[in-house]
Amino acid sequence: MDNSLTSITLIVGLIFFIVGLLFKMFPPKKINSIYGYRTSSSMRNLDTWTVANKYSAGLMIFEGIGMTIIGILILMFSGIGTIGTGISVGFVILFVILLIVLTEKHLNNLFDKDGNRKIT
């Protein structure tokens, strides 16, 4: 195994997967400052909090699997050195941004700016 940072995608993917499973099995029941998907839109009320944490947990599991697979593929080409590190870091940043953007979009589709459910 390459000892450079090329394995970062694999490691972060496994972390995302494990954290997503933990959030799925033990979702935060109350809005808190320690545990859960914490943004201003997710913390508006208990309904937005519950929806955001449930959605982001599923997304983290999915992204964790994706990053783990990508990490394994990058490690298979361990001779790519610095390029592999750049690719790994790029994928981690991309998946973190996707987690936030997709969860916020999901909340915006379901709730108005005050945290009330939209009537469909």
C-alpha atoms as a PDB file:
ATOM      1  CA  MET A   1       0.000   0.000   0.000  1.00  0.00           C
ATOM      2  CA  ASP A   2       1.257   3.445  -0.887  1.00  0.00           C
ATOM      3  CA  ASN A   3       2.263   5.350   2.248  1.00  0.00           C
ATOM      4  CA  SER A   4       1.328   8.771   0.849  1.00  0.00           C
ATOM      5  CA  LEU A   5      -1.996  10.540   1.185  1.00  0.00           C
ATOM      6  CA  THR A   6      -3.496   8.641  -1.762  1.00  0.00           C
ATOM      7  CA  SER A   7      -5.411   6.474   0.713  1.00  0.00           C
ATOM      8  CA  ILE A   8      -7.274   9.504   2.123  1.00  0.00           C
ATOM      9  CA  THR A   9     -10.344   8.810  -0.043  1.00  0.00           C
ATOM     10  CA  LEU A  10     -10.517   5.246   1.259  1.00  0.00           C
ATOM     11  CA  ILE A  11     -10.108   6.317   4.898  1.00  0.00           C
ATOM     12  CA  VAL A  12     -12.610   9.188   4.687  1.00  0.00           C
ATOM     13  CA  GLY A  13     -15.013   6.922   2.792  1.00  0.00           C
ATOM     14  CA  LEU A  14     -14.931   4.382   5.601  1.00  0.00           C
ATOM     15  CA  ILE A  15     -15.427   7.167   8.161  1.00  0.00           C
ATOM     16  CA  PHE A  16     -18.411   8.557   6.217  1.00  0.00           C
ATOM     17  CA  PHE A  17     -19.922   5.079   5.992  1.00  0.00           C
ATOM     18  CA  ILE A  18     -19.490   4.381   9.730  1.00  0.00           C
ATOM     19  CA  VAL A  19     -20.744   7.819  10.815  1.00  0.00           C
ATOM     20  CA  GLY A  20     -23.716   7.516   8.445  1.00  0.00           C
ATOM     21  CA  LEU A  21     -24.599   4.137   9.970  1.00  0.00           C
ATOM     22  CA  LEU A  22     -24.276   5.558  13.489  1.00  0.00           C
ATOM     23  CA  PHE A  23     -26.539   8.502  12.592  1.00  0.00           C
ATOM     24  CA  LYS A  24     -29.021   6.082  11.026  1.00  0.00           C
ATOM     25  CA  MET A  25     -29.043   3.725  14.034  1.00  0.00           C
ATOM     26  CA  PHE A  26     -28.778   6.432  16.721  1.00  0.00           C
ATOM     27  CA  PRO A  27     -30.193   9.643  15.253  1.00  0.00           C
ATOM     28  CA  PRO A  28     -29.931  12.728  17.436  1.00  0.00           C
ATOM     29  CA  LYS A  29     -33.305  13.177  19.079  1.00  0.00           C
ATOM     30  CA  LYS A  30     -32.845  16.798  20.143  1.00  0.00           C
ATOM     31  CA  ILE A  31     -31.143  19.771  18.532  1.00  0.00           C
ATOM     32  CA  ASN A  32     -27.723  19.931  20.148  1.00  0.00           C
ATOM     33  CA  SER A  33     -24.287  21.455  19.700  1.00  0.00           C
ATOM     34  CA  ILE A  34     -22.346  18.188  19.497  1.00  0.00           C
ATOM     35  CA  TYR A  35     -24.001  15.462  17.426  1.00  0.00           C
ATOM     36  CA  GLY A  36     -25.826  15.628  14.105  1.00  0.00           C
ATOM     37  CA  TYR A  37     -26.107  17.539  10.840  1.00  0.00           C
ATOM     38  CA  ARG A  38     -25.788  21.104  12.107  1.00  0.00           C
ATOM     39  CA  THR A  39     -26.613  24.051   9.852  1.00  0.00           C
ATOM     40  CA  SER A  40     -28.857  27.044  10.435  1.00  0.00           C
ATOM     41  CA  SER A  41     -31.583  25.520   8.247  1.00  0.00           C
ATOM     42  CA  SER A  42     -31.420  22.102   9.931  1.00  0.00           C
ATOM     43  CA  MET A  43     -31.568  23.649  13.416  1.00  0.00           C
ATOM     44  CA  ARG A  44     -34.670  25.825  12.845  1.00  0.00           C
ATOM     45  CA  ASN A  45     -36.927  23.400  14.681  1.00  0.00           C
ATOM     46  CA  LEU A  46     -37.221  19.724  15.602  1.00  0.00           C
ATOM     47  CA  ASP A  47     -38.923  18.832  12.310  1.00  0.00           C
ATOM     48  CA  THR A  48     -36.139  20.302  10.142  1.00  0.00           C
ATOM     49  CA  TRP A  49     -33.560  18.726  12.475  1.00  0.00           C
ATOM     50  CA  THR A  50     -35.082  15.249  12.164  1.00  0.00           C
ATOM     51  CA  VAL A  51     -35.464  15.434   8.385  1.00  0.00           C
ATOM     52  CA  ALA A  52     -31.940  16.803   7.845  1.00  0.00           C
ATOM     53  CA  ASN A  53     -30.313  14.168  10.015  1.00  0.00           C
ATOM     54  CA  LYS A  54     -32.233  11.288   8.462  1.00  0.00           C
ATOM     55  CA  TYR A  55     -31.489  12.467   4.922  1.00  0.00           C
ATOM     56  CA  SER A  56     -27.809  13.268   5.547  1.00  0.00           C
ATOM     57  CA  ALA A  57     -27.247   9.896   7.274  1.00  0.00           C
ATOM     58  CA  GLY A  58     -28.447   8.023   4.189  1.00  0.00           C
ATOM     59  CA  LEU A  59     -26.380  10.265   1.956  1.00  0.00           C
ATOM     60  CA  MET A  60     -23.278   9.737   4.103  1.00  0.00           C
ATOM     61  CA  ILE A  61     -23.659   5.965   3.815  1.00  0.00           C
ATOM     62  CA  PHE A  62     -23.999   6.213   0.028  1.00  0.00           C
ATOM     63  CA  GLU A  63     -21.099   8.664  -0.288  1.00  0.00           C
ATOM     64  CA  GLY A  64     -18.976   6.558   2.061  1.00  0.00           C
ATOM     65  CA  ILE A  65     -19.417   3.532  -0.187  1.00  0.00           C
ATOM     66  CA  GLY A  66     -18.579   5.645  -3.239  1.00  0.00           C
ATOM     67  CA  MET A  67     -15.458   7.150  -1.691  1.00  0.00           C
ATOM     68  CA  THR A  68     -14.297   3.737  -0.471  1.00  0.00           C
ATOM     69  CA  ILE A  69     -14.597   2.297  -3.971  1.00  0.00           C
ATOM     70  CA  ILE A  70     -12.799   5.300  -5.469  1.00  0.00           C
ATOM     71  CA  GLY A  71     -10.106   4.999  -2.774  1.00  0.00           C
ATOM     72  CA  ILE A  72      -9.527   1.350  -3.618  1.00  0.00           C
ATOM     73  CA  LEU A  73      -9.268   2.194  -7.322  1.00  0.00           C
ATOM     74  CA  ILE A  74      -6.766   4.976  -6.606  1.00  0.00           C
ATOM     75  CA  LEU A  75      -4.675   2.620  -4.462  1.00  0.00           C
ATOM     76  CA  MET A  76      -4.653   0.061  -7.268  1.00  0.00           C
ATOM     77  CA  PHE A  77      -2.715   2.669  -9.247  1.00  0.00           C
ATOM     78  CA  SER A  78      -0.357   3.466  -6.373  1.00  0.00           C
ATOM     79  CA  GLY A  79       2.366   4.648  -8.729  1.00  0.00           C
ATOM     80  CA  ILE A  80       0.487   7.871  -9.484  1.00  0.00           C
ATOM     81  CA  GLY A  81       1.989   9.618  -6.417  1.00  0.00           C
ATOM     82  CA  THR A  82       1.180  13.320  -6.118  1.00  0.00           C
ATOM     83  CA  ILE A  83      -1.549  13.109  -8.738  1.00  0.00           C
ATOM     84  CA  GLY A  84      -3.261  10.388  -6.682  1.00  0.00           C
ATOM     85  CA  THR A  85      -3.093  12.574  -3.598  1.00  0.00           C
ATOM     86  CA  GLY A  86      -4.659  15.470  -5.505  1.00  0.00           C
ATOM     87  CA  ILE A  87      -7.383  13.238  -6.878  1.00  0.00           C
ATOM     88  CA  SER A  88      -8.071  11.830  -3.403  1.00  0.00           C
ATOM     89  CA  VAL A  89      -8.322  15.242  -1.760  1.00  0.00           C
ATOM     90  CA  GLY A  90     -10.473  16.500  -4.646  1.00  0.00           C
ATOM     91  CA  PHE A  91     -12.953  13.644  -4.242  1.00  0.00           C
ATOM     92  CA  VAL A  92     -13.187  14.168  -0.475  1.00  0.00           C
ATOM     93  CA  ILE A  93     -13.901  17.889  -0.953  1.00  0.00           C
ATOM     94  CA  LEU A  94     -16.437  17.121  -3.692  1.00  0.00           C
ATOM     95  CA  PHE A  95     -18.318  14.595  -1.549  1.00  0.00           C
ATOM     96  CA  VAL A  96     -18.419  16.931   1.472  1.00  0.00           C
ATOM     97  CA  ILE A  97     -19.787  19.746  -0.702  1.00  0.00           C
ATOM     98  CA  LEU A  98     -22.346  17.365  -2.235  1.00  0.00           C
ATOM     99  CA  LEU A  99     -23.474  16.250   1.228  1.00  0.00           C
ATOM    100  CA  ILE A 100     -24.170  19.837   2.273  1.00  0.00           C
ATOM    101  CA  VAL A 101     -25.668  21.023  -1.020  1.00  0.00           C
ATOM    102  CA  LEU A 102     -27.991  18.035  -1.439  1.00  0.00           C
ATOM    103  CA  THR A 103     -29.151  18.077   2.195  1.00  0.00           C
ATOM    104  CA  GLU A 104     -29.817  21.826   2.083  1.00  0.00           C
ATOM    105  CA  LYS A 105     -31.688  21.455  -1.218  1.00  0.00           C
ATOM    106  CA  HIS A 106     -33.788  18.682   0.325  1.00  0.00           C
ATOM    107  CA  LEU A 107     -34.633  20.936   3.279  1.00  0.00           C
ATOM    108  CA  ASN A 108     -35.458  23.859   0.951  1.00  0.00           C
ATOM    109  CA  ASN A 109     -37.816  21.622  -1.030  1.00  0.00           C
ATOM    110  CA  LEU A 110     -39.717  20.573   2.105  1.00  0.00           C
ATOM    111  CA  PHE A 111     -39.602  23.692   4.308  1.00  0.00           C
ATOM    112  CA  ASP A 112     -39.990  27.442   3.904  1.00  0.00           C
ATOM    113  CA  LYS A 113     -37.387  29.899   5.227  1.00  0.00           C
ATOM    114  CA  ASP A 114     -38.984  29.830   8.685  1.00  0.00           C
ATOM    115  CA  GLY A 115     -38.859  26.026   8.978  1.00  0.00           C
ATOM    116  CA  ASN A 116     -42.563  25.425   8.278  1.00  0.00           C
ATOM    117  CA  ARG A 117     -43.433  22.537   5.964  1.00  0.00           C
ATOM    118  CA  LYS A 118     -44.453  23.662   2.512  1.00  0.00           C
ATOM    119  CA  ILE A 119     -47.969  22.730   1.485  1.00  0.00           C
ATOM    120  CA  THR A 120     -47.958  20.697  -1.722  1.00  0.00           C
END
